[in-house]
């Protein structure tokens, strides 16, 4: 197992991935199950929502403000904040454990002692990150699909899948930047800190830019803008925005390869 970095990485993450997948699935089902009661009291909530400033409503709820609509409700309760937060947090944690975590624990030297190039080792460790993120995103999609059928949410299948594709690309973009930091520095704490900072800044930039008209142009510097902001479930798959997220991921991956191939590894 130790001779194969990919299998070793999956083995190291198997318990945490199972816990994350189960927790995310339960949370999704719970939030979906609350919708019928929310829909019944939508009239009382609507007055409060309509009293909010328009810029504030758009920043946190998108174009639709009808909380009696399942898509609007799930965008507000899951897709605009909590769901990407969970996947980004998971991605950063896994990214930090791959190169930086192995280096700090002293096992990276053992992996490099086998006849495997640094490029191949990096690719296999990155594959662990991608696999884990895909599994967690798939668990989220599966839980929401089951809840959709059981509760009768009436979610458009195409937009549901498209929103999860955009969610996956957002999480991978942030996590790959963190992965690049770990590959370049070998420091797990710094990897987590920079990854978390990027996620927080991207989210806040997307929100603040919408609240201040003169700063609206800054919204396009945020990864959350390309993800779909406050209404990814309504927008579904956005090919042009997906390309942007993929480009960020590719550039970060290139930086990881360049930095790891040229630096001294502490063993």
Protein backbone atom coordinates (compact mmCIF):
# COMPACT_ATOMS: atom_id res chain seq x y z
CA UNK A 1 0.00 0.00 0.00
CA UNK A 2 2.80 2.43 0.89
CA UNK A 3 4.41 1.84 -2.51
CA UNK A 4 1.38 3.32 -4.27
CA UNK A 5 0.89 6.97 -3.21
CA UNK A 6 -2.65 7.04 -4.60
CA UNK A 7 -3.80 3.98 -2.67
CA UNK A 8 -1.99 5.16 0.44
CA UNK A 9 -3.72 8.54 0.18
CA UNK A 10 -7.13 6.92 -0.20
CA UNK A 11 -6.44 4.64 2.75
CA UNK A 12 -5.44 7.59 4.91
CA UNK A 13 -8.62 9.49 3.98
CA UNK A 14 -11.14 6.64 3.98
CA UNK A 15 -12.55 7.21 7.47
CA UNK A 16 -12.75 10.97 7.26
CA UNK A 17 -14.31 10.74 3.80
CA UNK A 18 -16.95 8.32 5.05
CA UNK A 19 -17.77 10.62 7.97
CA UNK A 20 -17.89 13.70 5.75
CA UNK A 21 -20.11 11.96 3.18
CA UNK A 22 -22.53 10.68 5.82
CA UNK A 23 -22.66 14.04 7.60
CA UNK A 24 -23.20 16.04 4.41
CA UNK A 25 -25.90 13.63 3.23
CA UNK A 26 -27.77 13.84 6.54
CA UNK A 27 -27.54 17.63 6.55
CA UNK A 28 -28.88 17.87 3.01
CA UNK A 29 -31.81 15.57 3.74
CA UNK A 30 -32.59 17.49 6.93
CA UNK A 31 -32.62 20.87 5.18
CA UNK A 32 -34.74 19.51 2.34
CA UNK A 33 -37.22 17.98 4.81
CA UNK A 34 -37.80 21.42 6.35
CA UNK A 35 -39.02 22.89 3.07
CA UNK A 36 -42.71 21.83 3.37
CA UNK A 37 -43.05 23.72 6.67
CA UNK A 38 -41.15 26.68 5.22
CA UNK A 39 -43.48 26.74 2.24
CA UNK A 40 -46.51 26.83 4.52
CA UNK A 41 -45.18 29.89 6.33
CA UNK A 42 -43.78 31.53 3.20
CA UNK A 43 -46.33 34.32 3.41
CA UNK A 44 -45.04 35.46 6.79
CA UNK A 45 -41.43 35.23 5.62
CA UNK A 46 -42.10 37.07 2.37
CA UNK A 47 -42.90 40.33 4.12
CA UNK A 48 -39.58 40.23 5.93
CA UNK A 49 -37.69 39.34 2.74
CA UNK A 50 -39.39 42.10 0.73
CA UNK A 51 -38.40 44.65 3.38
CA UNK A 52 -34.70 44.00 2.75
CA UNK A 53 -32.77 46.39 0.48
CA UNK A 54 -32.77 45.11 -3.11
CA UNK A 55 -28.98 44.87 -3.32
CA UNK A 56 -28.93 42.84 -0.10
CA UNK A 57 -31.60 40.45 -1.40
CA UNK A 58 -29.76 39.88 -4.66
CA UNK A 59 -26.45 39.31 -2.90
CA UNK A 60 -27.80 36.56 -0.65
CA UNK A 61 -30.80 35.20 -2.57
CA UNK A 62 -30.24 36.01 -6.23
CA UNK A 63 -32.93 37.18 -8.63
CA UNK A 64 -35.80 35.23 -7.02
CA UNK A 65 -37.09 36.17 -3.58
CA UNK A 66 -39.93 33.63 -3.41
CA UNK A 67 -38.95 31.48 -0.42
CA UNK A 68 -41.92 29.24 -1.14
CA UNK A 69 -40.06 28.04 -4.22
CA UNK A 70 -37.83 25.00 -3.59
CA UNK A 71 -35.03 26.26 -5.82
CA UNK A 72 -34.90 29.64 -4.07
CA UNK A 73 -35.03 27.98 -0.65
CA UNK A 74 -32.21 25.51 -1.43
CA UNK A 75 -30.08 28.21 -3.01
CA UNK A 76 -30.39 30.28 0.16
CA UNK A 77 -30.01 27.47 2.67
CA UNK A 78 -27.46 25.26 0.93
CA UNK A 79 -25.91 26.25 -2.38
CA UNK A 80 -25.08 29.91 -1.75
CA UNK A 81 -23.01 29.31 1.40
CA UNK A 82 -23.13 26.13 3.49
CA UNK A 83 -22.63 23.54 0.75
CA UNK A 84 -19.61 25.23 -0.91
CA UNK A 85 -18.20 25.95 2.56
CA UNK A 86 -18.30 22.26 3.46
CA UNK A 87 -16.77 21.05 0.19
CA UNK A 88 -14.08 23.73 0.23
CA UNK A 89 -13.18 22.90 3.84
CA UNK A 90 -12.94 19.21 2.97
CA UNK A 91 -10.87 19.91 -0.14
CA UNK A 92 -8.43 22.11 1.76
CA UNK A 93 -8.02 19.50 4.51
CA UNK A 94 -7.28 16.75 1.98
CA UNK A 95 -4.96 19.01 -0.03
CA UNK A 96 -2.98 19.84 3.10
CA UNK A 97 -2.59 16.15 3.96
CA UNK A 98 -1.12 15.10 0.60
CA UNK A 99 2.32 16.68 0.11
CA UNK A 100 2.69 18.98 3.12
CA UNK A 101 1.15 16.47 5.51
CA UNK A 102 3.33 13.63 4.24
CA UNK A 103 6.41 15.83 4.48
CA UNK A 104 5.74 16.97 8.04
CA UNK A 105 5.02 13.40 9.16
CA UNK A 106 8.24 12.15 7.57
CA UNK A 107 6.59 9.73 5.11
CA UNK A 108 7.22 11.77 1.96
CA UNK A 109 10.86 10.71 1.95
CA UNK A 110 9.81 7.06 2.01
CA UNK A 111 7.50 7.58 -0.97
CA UNK A 112 10.25 9.32 -2.93
CA UNK A 113 12.66 6.47 -2.12
CA UNK A 114 10.64 4.21 -4.43
CA UNK A 115 11.30 4.35 -8.20
CA UNK A 116 8.67 7.00 -8.88
CA UNK A 117 9.23 10.45 -10.36
CA UNK A 118 8.16 13.57 -8.52
CA UNK A 119 5.72 14.38 -11.30
CA UNK A 120 4.05 10.99 -10.96
CA UNK A 121 3.98 11.22 -7.17
CA UNK A 122 2.39 14.67 -7.38
CA UNK A 123 -0.19 13.44 -9.89
CA UNK A 124 -1.14 10.49 -7.70
CA UNK A 125 -1.46 12.65 -4.58
CA UNK A 126 -3.57 15.15 -6.52
CA UNK A 127 -5.74 12.27 -7.73
CA UNK A 128 -6.52 11.54 -4.07
CA UNK A 129 -7.79 15.10 -3.69
CA UNK A 130 -9.91 14.91 -6.84
CA UNK A 131 -11.34 11.49 -5.94
CA UNK A 132 -12.31 12.55 -2.43
CA UNK A 133 -13.94 15.77 -3.62
CA UNK A 134 -15.85 13.97 -6.37
CA UNK A 135 -17.13 11.36 -3.89
CA UNK A 136 -18.30 14.03 -1.43
CA UNK A 137 -19.99 16.04 -4.18
CA UNK A 138 -21.65 12.87 -5.47
CA UNK A 139 -22.92 12.10 -1.97
CA UNK A 140 -24.44 15.59 -1.82
CA UNK A 141 -26.11 15.08 -5.20
CA UNK A 142 -27.39 11.63 -4.27
CA UNK A 143 -28.85 12.88 -0.98
CA UNK A 144 -30.58 15.79 -2.68
CA UNK A 145 -31.94 13.54 -5.45
CA UNK A 146 -33.39 11.15 -2.88
CA UNK A 147 -34.90 14.04 -0.93
CA UNK A 148 -36.32 15.48 -4.14
CA UNK A 149 -38.19 12.25 -4.83
CA UNK A 150 -39.30 11.62 -1.24
CA UNK A 151 -40.46 15.15 -0.48
CA UNK A 152 -41.55 16.19 -3.95
CA UNK A 153 -39.39 19.27 -4.35
CA UNK A 154 -39.77 19.30 -8.11
CA UNK A 155 -36.16 20.21 -8.82
CA UNK A 156 -35.11 20.37 -12.51
CA UNK A 157 -32.79 17.39 -13.01
CA UNK A 158 -30.53 19.20 -15.48
CA UNK A 159 -30.02 22.22 -13.22
CA UNK A 160 -29.50 19.96 -10.20
CA UNK A 161 -26.67 18.09 -11.92
CA UNK A 162 -25.28 21.30 -13.43
CA UNK A 163 -25.19 23.03 -10.05
CA UNK A 164 -23.22 20.12 -8.60
CA UNK A 165 -20.75 20.25 -11.49
CA UNK A 166 -20.17 23.94 -10.75
CA UNK A 167 -19.90 23.13 -7.03
CA UNK A 168 -17.25 20.51 -7.77
CA UNK A 169 -15.27 22.90 -9.96
CA UNK A 170 -15.37 25.63 -7.29
CA UNK A 171 -14.18 23.28 -4.55
CA UNK A 172 -11.40 21.90 -6.76
CA UNK A 173 -10.25 25.38 -7.77
CA UNK A 174 -9.79 26.47 -4.15
CA UNK A 175 -8.39 23.10 -3.04
CA UNK A 176 -5.89 23.01 -5.92
CA UNK A 177 -4.53 26.40 -4.90
CA UNK A 178 -4.09 24.99 -1.39
CA UNK A 179 -2.48 21.87 -2.88
CA UNK A 180 -0.02 24.09 -4.77
CA UNK A 181 0.92 25.88 -1.55
CA UNK A 182 1.59 22.54 0.14
CA UNK A 183 3.66 21.32 -2.80
CA UNK A 184 5.67 24.54 -2.86
CA UNK A 185 6.29 24.92 0.88
CA UNK A 186 5.76 21.55 2.57
CA UNK A 187 3.96 23.38 5.39
CA UNK A 188 0.56 22.00 6.33
CA UNK A 189 -0.52 24.95 8.47
CA UNK A 190 0.30 27.47 5.75
CA UNK A 191 -1.55 25.33 3.20
CA UNK A 192 -4.71 25.37 5.29
CA UNK A 193 -4.41 29.08 6.09
CA UNK A 194 -4.00 30.22 2.49
CA UNK A 195 -6.70 27.87 1.21
CA UNK A 196 -9.15 29.07 3.87
CA UNK A 197 -8.25 32.71 3.21
CA UNK A 198 -8.88 32.28 -0.50
CA UNK A 199 -12.29 30.72 0.13
CA UNK A 200 -13.36 33.42 2.59
CA UNK A 201 -12.08 36.31 0.47
CA UNK A 202 -13.75 34.90 -2.65
CA UNK A 203 -17.09 34.61 -0.85
CA UNK A 204 -16.94 38.06 0.77
CA UNK A 205 -15.75 39.73 -2.43
CA UNK A 206 -18.73 38.36 -4.32
CA UNK A 207 -21.12 39.63 -1.62
CA UNK A 208 -19.59 43.06 -0.94
CA UNK A 209 -19.19 43.86 -4.63
CA UNK A 210 -22.95 43.50 -5.09
CA UNK A 211 -23.75 45.74 -2.13
CA UNK A 212 -21.59 48.66 -3.32
CA UNK A 213 -22.32 49.73 -6.89
CA UNK A 214 -18.89 51.26 -7.45
CA UNK A 215 -17.27 47.93 -6.52
CA UNK A 216 -19.45 45.76 -8.74
CA UNK A 217 -16.55 45.11 -11.13
CA UNK A 218 -14.69 43.34 -8.32
CA UNK A 219 -17.30 40.60 -8.38
CA UNK A 220 -15.63 39.09 -11.44
CA UNK A 221 -12.46 38.54 -9.41
CA UNK A 222 -14.31 36.14 -7.13
CA UNK A 223 -14.45 32.39 -7.74
CA UNK A 224 -17.95 32.42 -6.20
CA UNK A 225 -19.14 34.67 -9.01
CA UNK A 226 -18.21 32.02 -11.58
CA UNK A 227 -19.75 29.30 -9.43
CA UNK A 228 -23.13 31.02 -9.59
CA UNK A 229 -23.13 33.27 -6.55
CA UNK A 230 -26.41 33.08 -4.67
CA UNK A 231 -28.33 31.03 -7.27
CA UNK A 232 -26.26 28.16 -8.71
CA UNK A 233 -29.25 25.79 -8.57
CA UNK A 234 -31.26 28.17 -10.76
CA UNK A 235 -28.41 28.79 -13.21
CA UNK A 236 -27.27 25.17 -13.48
CA UNK A 237 -24.24 24.41 -15.61
CA UNK A 238 -22.56 27.56 -16.95
CA UNK A 239 -20.02 26.49 -19.60
CA UNK A 240 -18.13 29.80 -19.82
CA UNK A 241 -17.84 30.10 -16.04
CA UNK A 242 -16.84 26.44 -15.80
CA UNK A 243 -13.93 27.16 -18.14
CA UNK A 244 -12.74 29.94 -15.85
CA UNK A 245 -12.78 27.66 -12.81
CA UNK A 246 -10.96 24.97 -14.79
CA UNK A 247 -8.31 27.48 -15.85
CA UNK A 248 -7.70 28.48 -12.23
CA UNK A 249 -7.37 24.80 -11.33
CA UNK A 250 -4.98 24.15 -14.24
CA UNK A 251 -2.76 27.13 -13.39
CA UNK A 252 -2.60 26.13 -9.73
CA UNK A 253 -1.78 22.56 -10.75
CA UNK A 254 1.02 23.84 -12.98
CA UNK A 255 2.44 25.91 -10.13
CA UNK A 256 2.33 22.83 -7.87
CA UNK A 257 4.27 20.76 -10.41
CA UNK A 258 6.85 23.48 -11.10
CA UNK A 259 7.48 24.22 -7.41
CA UNK A 260 7.57 20.61 -6.20
CA UNK A 261 9.91 19.48 -8.98
CA UNK A 262 12.52 22.07 -8.04
CA UNK A 263 12.61 22.39 -4.28
CA UNK A 264 14.44 20.42 -1.62
CA UNK A 265 12.16 18.10 0.32
CA UNK A 266 12.67 17.84 4.08
CA UNK A 267 12.91 14.22 5.14
